[in-house]
């Protein structure tokens, strides 16, 4: 549902999951080659779904960067995949 002011969505939870996100190798996420470390990109929900379904050993070497300003590690990704509002 959109409000009449600036066409903003009134569903903050849905917007949270629709933000753009990228999956990166943890060891390259903050380095000089940050932009070349991107393995996958899409909505935050899709990236959480993708990483949470990976084997633990593979998942432990990755982070999700959401909308360019926040990184989620493996533990946080698994917690996100279990949230009640996760569109899984």
Protein backbone atom coordinates (compact mmCIF):
# COMPACT_ATOMS: atom_id res chain seq x y z
CA UNK A 1 0.00 0.00 0.00
CA UNK A 2 1.32 3.46 -0.88
CA UNK A 3 0.72 6.66 1.00
CA UNK A 4 -0.35 9.73 -0.91
CA UNK A 5 2.73 11.67 0.15
CA UNK A 6 5.70 10.97 -2.19
CA UNK A 7 4.33 7.52 -3.00
CA UNK A 8 6.12 5.95 -0.04
CA UNK A 9 5.29 2.45 1.03
CA UNK A 10 3.64 2.06 4.39
CA UNK A 11 5.06 -1.46 4.82
CA UNK A 12 8.54 -0.94 6.31
CA UNK A 13 9.14 -4.69 6.70
CA UNK A 14 8.56 -5.38 3.01
CA UNK A 15 10.81 -2.46 2.04
CA UNK A 16 13.55 -3.81 4.34
CA UNK A 17 13.59 -7.14 2.49
CA UNK A 18 13.45 -5.47 -0.96
CA UNK A 19 16.59 -3.38 -0.44
CA UNK A 20 19.48 -4.15 -2.80
CA UNK A 21 22.16 -6.43 -1.37
CA UNK A 22 25.30 -8.24 -2.46
CA UNK A 23 27.03 -11.41 -1.29
CA UNK A 24 30.77 -10.94 -0.85
CA UNK A 25 33.71 -13.00 0.32
CA UNK A 26 34.32 -11.98 3.91
CA UNK A 27 38.08 -11.61 3.44
CA UNK A 28 37.64 -9.16 0.53
CA UNK A 29 34.57 -7.25 1.76
CA UNK A 30 36.49 -4.32 3.22
CA UNK A 31 39.57 -4.44 1.03
CA UNK A 32 40.81 -2.57 -1.99
CA UNK A 33 39.09 -5.02 -4.34
CA UNK A 34 35.72 -4.72 -2.61
CA UNK A 35 33.78 -4.15 -5.84
CA UNK A 36 35.40 -7.18 -7.47
CA UNK A 37 34.49 -9.42 -4.52
CA UNK A 38 30.78 -9.49 -5.35
CA UNK A 39 29.56 -13.04 -5.94
CA UNK A 40 25.79 -12.47 -6.15
CA UNK A 41 23.43 -9.50 -6.03
CA UNK A 42 19.70 -9.00 -5.72
CA UNK A 43 17.16 -8.16 -3.05
CA UNK A 44 18.17 -8.59 0.57
CA UNK A 45 15.57 -11.37 0.95
CA UNK A 46 16.98 -13.26 -2.04
CA UNK A 47 20.56 -12.98 -0.74
CA UNK A 48 19.55 -14.15 2.75
CA UNK A 49 17.69 -17.07 1.17
CA UNK A 50 20.69 -17.96 -1.02
CA UNK A 51 23.33 -17.84 1.71
CA UNK A 52 21.19 -19.49 4.40
CA UNK A 53 20.74 -22.54 2.14
CA UNK A 54 24.48 -22.98 1.53
CA UNK A 55 26.54 -25.53 3.46
CA UNK A 56 27.86 -24.06 6.70
CA UNK A 57 31.51 -24.25 5.61
CA UNK A 58 30.77 -22.19 2.49
CA UNK A 59 28.46 -19.77 4.30
CA UNK A 60 31.09 -18.99 6.95
CA UNK A 61 33.34 -17.31 4.37
CA UNK A 62 30.65 -14.88 3.16
CA UNK A 63 28.92 -11.67 4.20
CA UNK A 64 25.88 -9.87 2.83
CA UNK A 65 26.19 -6.14 2.32
CA UNK A 66 22.77 -4.51 2.40
CA UNK A 67 22.22 -1.24 0.53
CA UNK A 68 25.95 -0.47 0.71
CA UNK A 69 26.04 0.42 4.38
CA UNK A 70 25.61 -2.65 6.57
CA UNK A 71 27.26 -6.05 6.50
CA UNK A 72 25.67 -9.20 7.90
CA UNK A 73 27.85 -12.14 8.91
CA UNK A 74 26.89 -15.83 8.82
CA UNK A 75 25.22 -15.87 12.25
CA UNK A 76 23.14 -12.80 11.49
CA UNK A 77 22.16 -14.21 8.11
CA UNK A 78 20.85 -17.39 9.72
CA UNK A 79 18.95 -15.35 12.32
CA UNK A 80 17.41 -13.25 9.53
CA UNK A 81 16.27 -16.40 7.70
CA UNK A 82 14.31 -17.45 10.80
CA UNK A 83 12.51 -14.14 11.37
CA UNK A 84 8.71 -14.24 11.26
CA UNK A 85 8.61 -11.52 8.60
CA UNK A 86 11.20 -13.19 6.32
CA UNK A 87 9.53 -13.65 2.94
CA UNK A 88 11.48 -16.90 2.57
